[in-house]
N, C-alpha and C. Protein backbone atom coordinates (compact mmCIF):
# COMPACT_ATOMS: atom_id res chain seq x y z
N MET A 1 -10.69 -11.26 -4.03
CA MET A 1 -11.36 -10.07 -3.53
C MET A 1 -11.62 -9.13 -4.71
N SER A 2 -12.86 -8.75 -4.89
CA SER A 2 -13.22 -7.90 -6.01
C SER A 2 -12.67 -6.48 -5.82
N ASN A 3 -12.55 -5.77 -6.93
CA ASN A 3 -12.09 -4.39 -6.86
C ASN A 3 -13.03 -3.52 -6.03
N GLN A 4 -14.33 -3.82 -6.10
CA GLN A 4 -15.32 -3.04 -5.33
C GLN A 4 -15.08 -3.18 -3.83
N ILE A 5 -14.83 -4.40 -3.39
CA ILE A 5 -14.56 -4.63 -1.96
C ILE A 5 -13.25 -3.96 -1.57
N TRP A 6 -12.23 -4.07 -2.40
CA TRP A 6 -10.94 -3.45 -2.14
C TRP A 6 -11.07 -1.94 -2.01
N LEU A 7 -11.79 -1.33 -2.93
CA LEU A 7 -11.97 0.13 -2.88
C LEU A 7 -12.76 0.55 -1.65
N SER A 8 -13.72 -0.26 -1.26
CA SER A 8 -14.49 0.09 -0.05
C SER A 8 -13.61 0.02 1.18
N GLN A 9 -12.68 -0.93 1.21
CA GLN A 9 -11.74 -1.02 2.34
C GLN A 9 -10.77 0.16 2.34
N LEU A 10 -10.34 0.57 1.16
CA LEU A 10 -9.45 1.75 1.07
C LEU A 10 -10.16 2.99 1.60
N ARG A 11 -11.40 3.16 1.19
CA ARG A 11 -12.14 4.36 1.63
C ARG A 11 -12.45 4.32 3.12
N LYS A 12 -12.54 3.13 3.66
CA LYS A 12 -12.83 2.99 5.09
C LYS A 12 -11.57 3.26 5.94
N HIS A 13 -10.44 2.72 5.52
CA HIS A 13 -9.23 2.76 6.36
C HIS A 13 -8.24 3.84 5.97
N ARG A 14 -8.19 4.17 4.69
CA ARG A 14 -7.45 5.33 4.17
C ARG A 14 -5.92 5.23 4.21
N ALA A 15 -5.34 4.27 4.90
CA ALA A 15 -3.88 4.21 4.99
C ALA A 15 -3.37 2.78 4.92
N ILE A 16 -2.27 2.60 4.22
CA ILE A 16 -1.62 1.29 4.08
C ILE A 16 -0.24 1.37 4.72
N ALA A 17 0.05 0.43 5.61
CA ALA A 17 1.38 0.33 6.21
C ALA A 17 2.25 -0.51 5.29
N VAL A 18 3.37 0.06 4.85
CA VAL A 18 4.27 -0.63 3.93
C VAL A 18 5.49 -1.10 4.71
N ILE A 19 5.67 -2.42 4.76
CA ILE A 19 6.73 -3.02 5.58
C ILE A 19 7.78 -3.66 4.69
N ARG A 20 9.01 -3.21 4.86
CA ARG A 20 10.17 -3.82 4.19
C ARG A 20 11.10 -4.28 5.31
N ALA A 21 11.19 -5.58 5.50
CA ALA A 21 11.89 -6.10 6.68
C ALA A 21 13.07 -7.00 6.31
N SER A 22 14.17 -6.84 7.05
CA SER A 22 15.38 -7.60 6.79
C SER A 22 15.30 -9.02 7.34
N THR A 23 14.41 -9.23 8.31
CA THR A 23 14.17 -10.59 8.81
C THR A 23 12.66 -10.81 8.93
N MET A 24 12.26 -12.05 8.80
CA MET A 24 10.84 -12.36 8.88
C MET A 24 10.28 -12.00 10.26
N GLU A 25 11.09 -12.26 11.30
CA GLU A 25 10.65 -11.97 12.66
C GLU A 25 10.39 -10.47 12.85
N LEU A 26 11.27 -9.67 12.29
CA LEU A 26 11.12 -8.22 12.39
C LEU A 26 9.87 -7.77 11.64
N GLY A 27 9.64 -8.33 10.46
CA GLY A 27 8.45 -7.99 9.69
C GLY A 27 7.17 -8.32 10.43
N GLU A 28 7.18 -9.46 11.12
CA GLU A 28 6.00 -9.86 11.89
C GLU A 28 5.74 -8.87 13.02
N GLN A 29 6.80 -8.47 13.73
CA GLN A 29 6.64 -7.52 14.83
C GLN A 29 6.15 -6.15 14.34
N MET A 30 6.67 -5.72 13.19
CA MET A 30 6.25 -4.44 12.61
C MET A 30 4.76 -4.48 12.26
N ALA A 31 4.34 -5.59 11.67
CA ALA A 31 2.93 -5.73 11.29
C ALA A 31 2.04 -5.76 12.53
N MET A 32 2.47 -6.49 13.54
CA MET A 32 1.67 -6.57 14.77
C MET A 32 1.54 -5.20 15.43
N ALA A 33 2.61 -4.40 15.36
CA ALA A 33 2.59 -3.08 16.00
C ALA A 33 1.57 -2.17 15.34
N VAL A 34 1.57 -2.09 14.00
CA VAL A 34 0.61 -1.19 13.34
C VAL A 34 -0.81 -1.72 13.46
N ALA A 35 -0.95 -3.04 13.47
CA ALA A 35 -2.29 -3.62 13.66
C ALA A 35 -2.81 -3.28 15.05
N CYS A 36 -1.92 -3.31 16.04
CA CYS A 36 -2.28 -2.93 17.41
C CYS A 36 -2.73 -1.47 17.46
N GLY A 37 -2.14 -0.64 16.59
CA GLY A 37 -2.50 0.77 16.53
C GLY A 37 -3.77 1.05 15.76
N GLY A 38 -4.32 0.01 15.14
CA GLY A 38 -5.60 0.17 14.45
C GLY A 38 -5.55 0.10 12.94
N MET A 39 -4.37 -0.06 12.36
CA MET A 39 -4.29 -0.15 10.90
C MET A 39 -4.67 -1.56 10.44
N GLN A 40 -5.41 -1.64 9.34
CA GLN A 40 -5.89 -2.94 8.87
C GLN A 40 -5.47 -3.26 7.44
N LEU A 41 -4.73 -2.36 6.81
CA LEU A 41 -4.20 -2.62 5.47
C LEU A 41 -2.68 -2.66 5.58
N ILE A 42 -2.10 -3.83 5.34
CA ILE A 42 -0.67 -4.03 5.56
C ILE A 42 -0.04 -4.64 4.31
N GLU A 43 0.98 -3.97 3.81
CA GLU A 43 1.73 -4.45 2.64
C GLU A 43 3.10 -4.93 3.08
N ILE A 44 3.43 -6.16 2.72
CA ILE A 44 4.78 -6.71 2.93
C ILE A 44 5.49 -6.66 1.59
N THR A 45 6.57 -5.88 1.48
CA THR A 45 7.24 -5.80 0.19
C THR A 45 7.85 -7.17 -0.15
N TRP A 46 7.81 -7.50 -1.45
CA TRP A 46 8.25 -8.83 -1.88
C TRP A 46 9.75 -9.03 -1.67
N ASN A 47 10.49 -7.93 -1.53
CA ASN A 47 11.93 -8.06 -1.27
C ASN A 47 12.25 -8.11 0.22
N SER A 48 11.23 -8.28 1.04
CA SER A 48 11.45 -8.55 2.47
C SER A 48 11.92 -9.99 2.65
N ASP A 49 12.53 -10.27 3.79
CA ASP A 49 12.99 -11.62 4.09
C ASP A 49 11.80 -12.58 4.16
N ARG A 50 11.86 -13.65 3.37
CA ARG A 50 10.83 -14.72 3.38
C ARG A 50 9.41 -14.13 3.32
N ALA A 51 9.24 -13.25 2.34
CA ALA A 51 7.97 -12.51 2.22
C ALA A 51 6.76 -13.44 2.10
N ALA A 52 6.89 -14.48 1.30
CA ALA A 52 5.75 -15.40 1.09
C ALA A 52 5.33 -16.05 2.41
N GLU A 53 6.31 -16.50 3.18
CA GLU A 53 6.01 -17.11 4.48
C GLU A 53 5.37 -16.11 5.43
N LEU A 54 5.89 -14.90 5.42
CA LEU A 54 5.38 -13.87 6.33
C LEU A 54 3.94 -13.51 5.98
N ILE A 55 3.64 -13.39 4.69
CA ILE A 55 2.27 -13.08 4.27
C ILE A 55 1.31 -14.16 4.75
N ALA A 56 1.70 -15.41 4.53
CA ALA A 56 0.84 -16.53 4.94
C ALA A 56 0.63 -16.52 6.46
N LYS A 57 1.70 -16.23 7.20
CA LYS A 57 1.61 -16.22 8.66
C LYS A 57 0.72 -15.10 9.15
N LEU A 58 0.87 -13.91 8.56
CA LEU A 58 0.06 -12.77 8.98
C LEU A 58 -1.41 -12.96 8.61
N ARG A 59 -1.68 -13.64 7.50
CA ARG A 59 -3.07 -13.91 7.14
C ARG A 59 -3.75 -14.70 8.26
N ALA A 60 -3.00 -15.62 8.88
CA ALA A 60 -3.55 -16.44 9.96
C ALA A 60 -3.61 -15.67 11.28
N GLU A 61 -2.59 -14.85 11.54
CA GLU A 61 -2.49 -14.17 12.83
C GLU A 61 -3.34 -12.91 12.92
N LEU A 62 -3.61 -12.29 11.77
CA LEU A 62 -4.36 -11.02 11.74
C LEU A 62 -5.57 -11.16 10.81
N PRO A 63 -6.56 -11.96 11.21
CA PRO A 63 -7.70 -12.22 10.32
C PRO A 63 -8.53 -10.99 10.00
N ASP A 64 -8.45 -9.95 10.84
CA ASP A 64 -9.22 -8.73 10.58
C ASP A 64 -8.51 -7.77 9.63
N CYS A 65 -7.27 -8.08 9.28
CA CYS A 65 -6.49 -7.22 8.39
C CYS A 65 -6.46 -7.77 6.97
N LEU A 66 -6.22 -6.89 6.03
CA LEU A 66 -5.93 -7.30 4.66
C LEU A 66 -4.41 -7.26 4.50
N ILE A 67 -3.82 -8.38 4.08
CA ILE A 67 -2.38 -8.49 3.93
C ILE A 67 -2.03 -8.62 2.45
N GLY A 68 -1.29 -7.65 1.96
CA GLY A 68 -0.90 -7.69 0.55
C GLY A 68 0.60 -7.60 0.41
N THR A 69 1.04 -7.41 -0.82
CA THR A 69 2.47 -7.30 -1.06
C THR A 69 2.74 -6.22 -2.09
N GLY A 70 4.01 -5.86 -2.21
CA GLY A 70 4.41 -4.82 -3.14
C GLY A 70 5.82 -5.05 -3.64
N THR A 71 6.32 -4.12 -4.44
CA THR A 71 7.63 -4.22 -5.08
C THR A 71 7.69 -5.49 -5.94
N LEU A 72 6.60 -5.75 -6.64
CA LEU A 72 6.55 -6.88 -7.58
C LEU A 72 7.01 -6.39 -8.94
N PHE A 73 7.90 -7.15 -9.59
CA PHE A 73 8.50 -6.70 -10.84
C PHE A 73 8.12 -7.53 -12.06
N ASN A 74 7.58 -8.74 -11.84
CA ASN A 74 7.26 -9.58 -12.99
C ASN A 74 6.12 -10.53 -12.67
N VAL A 75 5.63 -11.21 -13.70
CA VAL A 75 4.46 -12.08 -13.55
C VAL A 75 4.74 -13.25 -12.61
N GLN A 76 5.95 -13.81 -12.66
CA GLN A 76 6.25 -14.95 -11.79
C GLN A 76 6.20 -14.55 -10.32
N GLN A 77 6.77 -13.40 -9.98
CA GLN A 77 6.69 -12.91 -8.60
C GLN A 77 5.23 -12.70 -8.22
N LEU A 78 4.45 -12.14 -9.12
CA LEU A 78 3.04 -11.88 -8.84
C LEU A 78 2.28 -13.17 -8.56
N LYS A 79 2.53 -14.20 -9.38
CA LYS A 79 1.86 -15.49 -9.17
C LYS A 79 2.27 -16.12 -7.84
N ASN A 80 3.55 -16.01 -7.51
CA ASN A 80 4.03 -16.55 -6.23
C ASN A 80 3.39 -15.80 -5.06
N ALA A 81 3.22 -14.49 -5.22
CA ALA A 81 2.60 -13.68 -4.16
C ALA A 81 1.14 -14.09 -3.95
N ILE A 82 0.43 -14.29 -5.04
CA ILE A 82 -0.97 -14.72 -4.94
C ILE A 82 -1.05 -16.09 -4.27
N ALA A 83 -0.12 -16.98 -4.63
CA ALA A 83 -0.10 -18.33 -4.03
C ALA A 83 0.16 -18.27 -2.53
N SER A 84 0.91 -17.26 -2.09
CA SER A 84 1.23 -17.13 -0.66
C SER A 84 0.04 -16.58 0.14
N GLY A 85 -0.97 -16.05 -0.58
CA GLY A 85 -2.15 -15.52 0.10
C GLY A 85 -2.27 -14.01 0.05
N ALA A 86 -1.42 -13.34 -0.71
CA ALA A 86 -1.50 -11.87 -0.80
C ALA A 86 -2.87 -11.45 -1.31
N GLN A 87 -3.50 -10.49 -0.62
CA GLN A 87 -4.86 -10.07 -0.95
C GLN A 87 -4.90 -8.83 -1.84
N PHE A 88 -3.77 -8.15 -1.99
CA PHE A 88 -3.65 -7.05 -2.96
C PHE A 88 -2.19 -6.97 -3.37
N LEU A 89 -1.94 -6.36 -4.55
CA LEU A 89 -0.63 -6.41 -5.17
C LEU A 89 -0.21 -5.03 -5.65
N PHE A 90 0.94 -4.55 -5.20
CA PHE A 90 1.50 -3.29 -5.67
C PHE A 90 2.74 -3.55 -6.53
N SER A 91 2.91 -2.77 -7.57
CA SER A 91 4.15 -2.80 -8.33
C SER A 91 4.63 -1.37 -8.52
N PRO A 92 5.94 -1.17 -8.72
CA PRO A 92 6.44 0.20 -8.86
C PRO A 92 6.24 0.76 -10.27
N HIS A 93 5.71 -0.06 -11.19
CA HIS A 93 5.63 0.34 -12.59
C HIS A 93 4.36 -0.24 -13.22
N VAL A 94 4.10 0.16 -14.47
CA VAL A 94 2.95 -0.34 -15.22
C VAL A 94 3.41 -1.46 -16.15
N ASP A 95 2.88 -2.67 -15.93
CA ASP A 95 3.23 -3.83 -16.75
C ASP A 95 1.92 -4.53 -17.12
N MET A 96 1.59 -4.53 -18.42
CA MET A 96 0.31 -5.05 -18.86
C MET A 96 0.15 -6.54 -18.53
N ALA A 97 1.23 -7.31 -18.67
CA ALA A 97 1.16 -8.74 -18.39
C ALA A 97 0.84 -9.00 -16.92
N MET A 98 1.42 -8.20 -16.04
CA MET A 98 1.16 -8.35 -14.61
C MET A 98 -0.29 -7.99 -14.28
N ILE A 99 -0.76 -6.89 -14.87
CA ILE A 99 -2.14 -6.48 -14.61
C ILE A 99 -3.10 -7.55 -15.09
N THR A 100 -2.87 -8.10 -16.29
CA THR A 100 -3.72 -9.15 -16.84
C THR A 100 -3.74 -10.38 -15.95
N ALA A 101 -2.56 -10.77 -15.44
CA ALA A 101 -2.46 -11.95 -14.58
C ALA A 101 -3.21 -11.75 -13.27
N ALA A 102 -3.13 -10.55 -12.70
CA ALA A 102 -3.83 -10.27 -11.44
C ALA A 102 -5.33 -10.24 -11.65
N VAL A 103 -5.77 -9.60 -12.74
CA VAL A 103 -7.21 -9.53 -13.03
C VAL A 103 -7.79 -10.92 -13.22
N ALA A 104 -7.03 -11.81 -13.86
CA ALA A 104 -7.49 -13.18 -14.10
C ALA A 104 -7.73 -13.92 -12.80
N LYS A 105 -6.98 -13.57 -11.76
CA LYS A 105 -7.10 -14.22 -10.44
C LYS A 105 -8.01 -13.43 -9.50
N ASP A 106 -8.57 -12.32 -9.99
CA ASP A 106 -9.47 -11.47 -9.20
C ASP A 106 -8.78 -10.95 -7.93
N VAL A 107 -7.51 -10.56 -8.09
CA VAL A 107 -6.76 -9.95 -6.99
C VAL A 107 -6.44 -8.51 -7.39
N PRO A 108 -6.82 -7.54 -6.58
CA PRO A 108 -6.58 -6.14 -6.94
C PRO A 108 -5.10 -5.86 -7.16
N ILE A 109 -4.79 -5.18 -8.27
CA ILE A 109 -3.41 -4.79 -8.54
C ILE A 109 -3.34 -3.28 -8.66
N ILE A 110 -2.31 -2.71 -8.04
CA ILE A 110 -2.12 -1.28 -7.99
C ILE A 110 -0.73 -0.97 -8.54
N PRO A 111 -0.61 -0.70 -9.86
CA PRO A 111 0.68 -0.38 -10.43
C PRO A 111 1.12 1.04 -10.08
N GLY A 112 2.42 1.25 -10.11
CA GLY A 112 2.95 2.58 -9.84
C GLY A 112 3.07 3.40 -11.10
N ALA A 113 2.67 4.66 -11.04
CA ALA A 113 2.75 5.57 -12.18
C ALA A 113 2.95 6.97 -11.65
N LEU A 114 3.35 7.88 -12.52
CA LEU A 114 3.57 9.25 -12.08
C LEU A 114 2.89 10.27 -12.99
N THR A 115 3.03 10.10 -14.30
CA THR A 115 2.45 11.07 -15.22
C THR A 115 0.99 10.72 -15.54
N PRO A 116 0.21 11.68 -16.01
CA PRO A 116 -1.17 11.38 -16.42
C PRO A 116 -1.24 10.26 -17.46
N THR A 117 -0.31 10.23 -18.41
CA THR A 117 -0.32 9.18 -19.43
C THR A 117 -0.15 7.80 -18.80
N GLU A 118 0.80 7.70 -17.86
CA GLU A 118 1.03 6.41 -17.18
C GLU A 118 -0.18 6.01 -16.35
N ILE A 119 -0.77 6.97 -15.66
CA ILE A 119 -1.92 6.70 -14.79
C ILE A 119 -3.10 6.20 -15.63
N VAL A 120 -3.40 6.88 -16.72
CA VAL A 120 -4.52 6.48 -17.58
C VAL A 120 -4.25 5.12 -18.23
N SER A 121 -3.02 4.90 -18.65
CA SER A 121 -2.64 3.61 -19.26
C SER A 121 -2.88 2.46 -18.29
N ALA A 122 -2.44 2.62 -17.04
CA ALA A 122 -2.63 1.58 -16.03
C ALA A 122 -4.12 1.31 -15.80
N TRP A 123 -4.88 2.38 -15.70
CA TRP A 123 -6.32 2.26 -15.45
C TRP A 123 -7.03 1.53 -16.60
N HIS A 124 -6.70 1.89 -17.83
CA HIS A 124 -7.33 1.27 -18.99
C HIS A 124 -6.96 -0.20 -19.13
N GLN A 125 -5.79 -0.56 -18.60
CA GLN A 125 -5.36 -1.96 -18.69
C GLN A 125 -6.02 -2.84 -17.63
N GLY A 126 -6.68 -2.23 -16.64
CA GLY A 126 -7.41 -3.01 -15.66
C GLY A 126 -6.97 -2.87 -14.22
N ALA A 127 -6.11 -1.88 -13.94
CA ALA A 127 -5.68 -1.66 -12.56
C ALA A 127 -6.88 -1.30 -11.68
N SER A 128 -6.88 -1.79 -10.43
CA SER A 128 -7.97 -1.47 -9.50
C SER A 128 -7.90 -0.02 -9.07
N CYS A 129 -6.69 0.51 -8.93
CA CYS A 129 -6.40 1.90 -8.68
C CYS A 129 -4.92 2.08 -9.03
N VAL A 130 -4.40 3.26 -8.88
CA VAL A 130 -3.03 3.52 -9.32
C VAL A 130 -2.23 4.16 -8.18
N LYS A 131 -1.02 3.63 -7.97
CA LYS A 131 -0.11 4.21 -6.99
C LYS A 131 0.64 5.36 -7.66
N VAL A 132 0.54 6.56 -7.09
CA VAL A 132 1.27 7.71 -7.63
C VAL A 132 2.57 7.82 -6.85
N PHE A 133 3.68 7.51 -7.53
CA PHE A 133 4.97 7.37 -6.85
C PHE A 133 6.09 7.83 -7.77
N PRO A 134 7.07 8.57 -7.24
CA PRO A 134 7.11 9.19 -5.91
C PRO A 134 6.41 10.54 -5.94
N VAL A 135 5.33 10.67 -5.20
CA VAL A 135 4.44 11.82 -5.35
C VAL A 135 5.10 13.14 -4.95
N GLN A 136 6.05 13.10 -4.00
CA GLN A 136 6.65 14.35 -3.53
C GLN A 136 7.48 15.01 -4.62
N ALA A 137 7.96 14.21 -5.57
CA ALA A 137 8.80 14.74 -6.64
C ALA A 137 8.05 15.72 -7.54
N LEU A 138 6.72 15.60 -7.58
CA LEU A 138 5.93 16.49 -8.43
C LEU A 138 5.01 17.41 -7.64
N GLY A 139 5.32 17.61 -6.36
CA GLY A 139 4.58 18.62 -5.62
C GLY A 139 3.66 18.10 -4.54
N GLY A 140 3.68 16.80 -4.26
CA GLY A 140 2.90 16.28 -3.15
C GLY A 140 1.41 16.37 -3.35
N ALA A 141 0.71 16.82 -2.32
CA ALA A 141 -0.76 16.86 -2.34
C ALA A 141 -1.29 17.76 -3.44
N SER A 142 -0.55 18.81 -3.77
CA SER A 142 -1.02 19.71 -4.82
C SER A 142 -1.05 19.01 -6.17
N TYR A 143 -0.14 18.07 -6.38
CA TYR A 143 -0.14 17.30 -7.63
C TYR A 143 -1.37 16.40 -7.71
N ILE A 144 -1.71 15.75 -6.59
CA ILE A 144 -2.91 14.91 -6.55
C ILE A 144 -4.14 15.77 -6.83
N SER A 145 -4.17 16.95 -6.25
CA SER A 145 -5.30 17.85 -6.45
C SER A 145 -5.42 18.26 -7.92
N SER A 146 -4.29 18.53 -8.55
CA SER A 146 -4.31 18.97 -9.95
C SER A 146 -4.74 17.87 -10.90
N LEU A 147 -4.59 16.60 -10.47
CA LEU A 147 -5.01 15.48 -11.31
C LEU A 147 -6.51 15.24 -11.25
N GLN A 148 -7.17 15.79 -10.25
CA GLN A 148 -8.58 15.47 -10.02
C GLN A 148 -9.50 15.94 -11.15
N GLY A 149 -9.18 17.09 -11.78
CA GLY A 149 -10.04 17.58 -12.85
C GLY A 149 -10.21 16.58 -13.97
N PRO A 150 -9.11 16.20 -14.64
CA PRO A 150 -9.23 15.25 -15.74
C PRO A 150 -9.31 13.79 -15.32
N LEU A 151 -8.74 13.45 -14.17
CA LEU A 151 -8.60 12.03 -13.80
C LEU A 151 -9.30 11.69 -12.49
N GLY A 152 -10.29 12.46 -12.10
CA GLY A 152 -10.96 12.25 -10.82
C GLY A 152 -11.66 10.91 -10.70
N HIS A 153 -11.91 10.25 -11.83
CA HIS A 153 -12.59 8.94 -11.81
C HIS A 153 -11.63 7.79 -11.50
N ILE A 154 -10.33 8.08 -11.47
CA ILE A 154 -9.34 7.03 -11.21
C ILE A 154 -8.87 7.12 -9.76
N PRO A 155 -9.07 6.05 -8.96
CA PRO A 155 -8.63 6.09 -7.55
C PRO A 155 -7.11 6.10 -7.47
N LEU A 156 -6.57 7.08 -6.76
CA LEU A 156 -5.12 7.25 -6.65
C LEU A 156 -4.64 7.03 -5.23
N ILE A 157 -3.49 6.35 -5.09
CA ILE A 157 -2.86 6.11 -3.79
C ILE A 157 -1.44 6.68 -3.83
N PRO A 158 -1.24 7.88 -3.32
CA PRO A 158 0.11 8.45 -3.33
C PRO A 158 1.02 7.78 -2.29
N THR A 159 2.28 7.60 -2.67
CA THR A 159 3.31 7.11 -1.75
C THR A 159 4.61 7.84 -2.08
N GLY A 160 5.56 7.76 -1.18
CA GLY A 160 6.84 8.41 -1.40
C GLY A 160 6.77 9.88 -1.08
N GLY A 161 6.87 10.21 0.21
CA GLY A 161 6.75 11.60 0.63
C GLY A 161 5.53 11.84 1.50
N VAL A 162 4.74 10.80 1.74
CA VAL A 162 3.59 10.93 2.64
C VAL A 162 4.08 10.77 4.08
N THR A 163 3.68 11.70 4.95
CA THR A 163 4.08 11.67 6.36
C THR A 163 2.84 11.60 7.25
N LEU A 164 3.07 11.39 8.54
CA LEU A 164 1.95 11.39 9.49
C LEU A 164 1.26 12.74 9.47
N GLU A 165 2.05 13.80 9.25
CA GLU A 165 1.50 15.15 9.31
C GLU A 165 0.74 15.53 8.04
N ASN A 166 1.28 15.15 6.87
CA ASN A 166 0.64 15.61 5.64
C ASN A 166 -0.35 14.62 5.03
N ALA A 167 -0.47 13.44 5.62
CA ALA A 167 -1.38 12.43 5.07
C ALA A 167 -2.81 12.96 4.86
N PRO A 168 -3.38 13.71 5.84
CA PRO A 168 -4.73 14.22 5.61
C PRO A 168 -4.84 15.13 4.39
N GLU A 169 -3.76 15.86 4.07
CA GLU A 169 -3.78 16.75 2.92
C GLU A 169 -3.99 15.97 1.62
N PHE A 170 -3.40 14.78 1.56
CA PHE A 170 -3.54 13.96 0.35
C PHE A 170 -4.98 13.45 0.20
N ILE A 171 -5.59 13.08 1.31
CA ILE A 171 -6.99 12.63 1.27
C ILE A 171 -7.89 13.79 0.87
N GLN A 172 -7.64 14.94 1.46
CA GLN A 172 -8.43 16.13 1.11
C GLN A 172 -8.23 16.53 -0.35
N ALA A 173 -7.05 16.22 -0.90
CA ALA A 173 -6.76 16.55 -2.29
C ALA A 173 -7.43 15.60 -3.27
N GLY A 174 -7.98 14.49 -2.74
CA GLY A 174 -8.70 13.55 -3.60
C GLY A 174 -8.18 12.14 -3.64
N ALA A 175 -7.07 11.85 -2.94
CA ALA A 175 -6.54 10.48 -2.91
C ALA A 175 -7.52 9.55 -2.20
N VAL A 176 -7.63 8.32 -2.70
CA VAL A 176 -8.52 7.35 -2.05
C VAL A 176 -7.88 6.82 -0.77
N ALA A 177 -6.54 6.77 -0.73
CA ALA A 177 -5.79 6.30 0.44
C ALA A 177 -4.33 6.71 0.26
N VAL A 178 -3.53 6.49 1.29
CA VAL A 178 -2.10 6.80 1.22
C VAL A 178 -1.29 5.60 1.70
N GLY A 179 -0.05 5.53 1.25
CA GLY A 179 0.86 4.49 1.71
C GLY A 179 2.04 5.09 2.44
N LEU A 180 2.38 4.53 3.60
CA LEU A 180 3.50 5.04 4.40
C LEU A 180 4.42 3.89 4.80
N SER A 181 5.72 4.15 4.74
CA SER A 181 6.70 3.15 5.14
C SER A 181 7.60 3.68 6.25
N SER A 182 8.67 4.39 5.87
CA SER A 182 9.65 4.85 6.87
C SER A 182 9.05 5.82 7.87
N GLU A 183 7.99 6.55 7.47
CA GLU A 183 7.35 7.48 8.40
C GLU A 183 6.65 6.75 9.54
N LEU A 184 6.14 5.57 9.24
CA LEU A 184 5.49 4.76 10.28
C LEU A 184 6.49 3.98 11.11
N PHE A 185 7.61 3.68 10.47
CA PHE A 185 8.61 2.81 11.11
C PHE A 185 9.98 3.51 11.15
N PRO A 186 10.13 4.57 11.97
CA PRO A 186 11.43 5.24 12.08
C PRO A 186 12.53 4.25 12.46
N LYS A 187 13.66 4.36 11.80
CA LYS A 187 14.75 3.39 12.01
C LYS A 187 15.14 3.28 13.48
N LYS A 188 15.15 4.43 14.17
CA LYS A 188 15.56 4.40 15.59
C LYS A 188 14.61 3.55 16.43
N LEU A 189 13.31 3.67 16.15
CA LEU A 189 12.32 2.91 16.93
C LEU A 189 12.39 1.42 16.60
N VAL A 190 12.59 1.12 15.32
CA VAL A 190 12.70 -0.29 14.92
C VAL A 190 13.95 -0.92 15.52
N ALA A 191 15.05 -0.16 15.53
CA ALA A 191 16.33 -0.68 16.03
C ALA A 191 16.23 -1.09 17.49
N VAL A 192 15.46 -0.33 18.28
CA VAL A 192 15.33 -0.66 19.72
C VAL A 192 14.04 -1.43 19.99
N GLU A 193 13.34 -1.79 18.91
CA GLU A 193 12.10 -2.57 19.00
C GLU A 193 11.07 -1.92 19.92
N ASN A 194 10.90 -0.62 19.73
CA ASN A 194 9.90 0.12 20.51
C ASN A 194 8.56 0.02 19.78
N TRP A 195 7.93 -1.14 19.89
CA TRP A 195 6.70 -1.41 19.14
C TRP A 195 5.52 -0.60 19.67
N GLN A 196 5.56 -0.24 20.94
CA GLN A 196 4.49 0.58 21.51
C GLN A 196 4.46 1.96 20.84
N ALA A 197 5.64 2.55 20.63
CA ALA A 197 5.72 3.86 19.98
C ALA A 197 5.23 3.78 18.53
N ILE A 198 5.57 2.68 17.86
CA ILE A 198 5.12 2.51 16.47
C ILE A 198 3.61 2.31 16.42
N ALA A 199 3.07 1.57 17.37
CA ALA A 199 1.60 1.42 17.46
C ALA A 199 0.94 2.78 17.67
N GLN A 200 1.59 3.64 18.47
CA GLN A 200 1.05 4.98 18.69
C GLN A 200 1.09 5.82 17.42
N HIS A 201 2.17 5.66 16.63
CA HIS A 201 2.26 6.33 15.33
C HIS A 201 1.07 5.93 14.46
N ALA A 202 0.81 4.62 14.41
CA ALA A 202 -0.29 4.11 13.59
C ALA A 202 -1.63 4.65 14.07
N GLY A 203 -1.82 4.66 15.39
CA GLY A 203 -3.06 5.17 15.96
C GLY A 203 -3.26 6.64 15.66
N LYS A 204 -2.16 7.40 15.73
CA LYS A 204 -2.21 8.84 15.43
C LYS A 204 -2.61 9.07 13.97
N LEU A 205 -2.05 8.26 13.08
CA LEU A 205 -2.37 8.37 11.66
C LEU A 205 -3.85 8.09 11.41
N ILE A 206 -4.35 7.03 12.00
CA ILE A 206 -5.76 6.66 11.81
C ILE A 206 -6.68 7.78 12.32
N GLN A 207 -6.31 8.36 13.45
CA GLN A 207 -7.09 9.48 14.00
C GLN A 207 -7.11 10.67 13.06
N HIS A 208 -5.93 10.98 12.47
CA HIS A 208 -5.81 12.12 11.56
C HIS A 208 -6.66 11.94 10.31
N LEU A 209 -6.84 10.68 9.90
CA LEU A 209 -7.54 10.41 8.65
C LEU A 209 -9.02 10.10 8.85
N ALA A 210 -9.46 10.02 10.12
CA ALA A 210 -10.86 9.67 10.40
C ALA A 210 -11.81 10.77 9.95
C-alpha cells in the first residue's frame, strides 16, 4: 500500500484503534467491536497474544478494514509483521534500518517521536508519517498546534493521552489522525465483554471526528 493511499485513508477515517490483547480470542472480539462501531483502521500491537495469527485472521474477517501492527522494536519483528499481512507498521521509536526495510516493501511505517528533531529525522528517513508519543507529556493538542508552523508538511498522529472527548481538538490542531487504546477499551468493559458498549464508544468517536 503506497503512502498516498495510506494518508488518504487516515484523512478519511481520522482514528486508529490500538489493540493490545492478552489472548488472541480477546483481540479478535475487540477488533470486531470497533469495526462494528464504524472504525476501519485497526492496529494489533506486536506484543499481543499470537499477533501474527490475529492479523492474518482479521485481514480475512474484516476486508473493509486496514489491519496493521505496532510496538515493533527491530527489523526482524517488522519483517514478520509484513509476512503476517500487516498493512501499516507503528514503532515507538525512530530506527533507520526499520524505516528502510518497510519502505523497501512499500508498507507505510509510522515511527514514534516526540521532539521536532526526532520528528524531522523520521520524516527525512522515509517515514509515511510520524507518531507523536506520548503527546500529553508535552501539552496535548496545543503541542501539535505549535508544531504546525515549522513542521506542518509532516503528517502527525498523536497517541498517549488522546481521549474520546479531546480527539477532535487534535484534528483541529493539525493532526492527520489520532490513535486510541485504553480510552476505546476501558478495562471494566473488556473484563465483562461488553462489546456493544465498546462499539458505541467507537461510533461516538467517529461521529466526533466527522
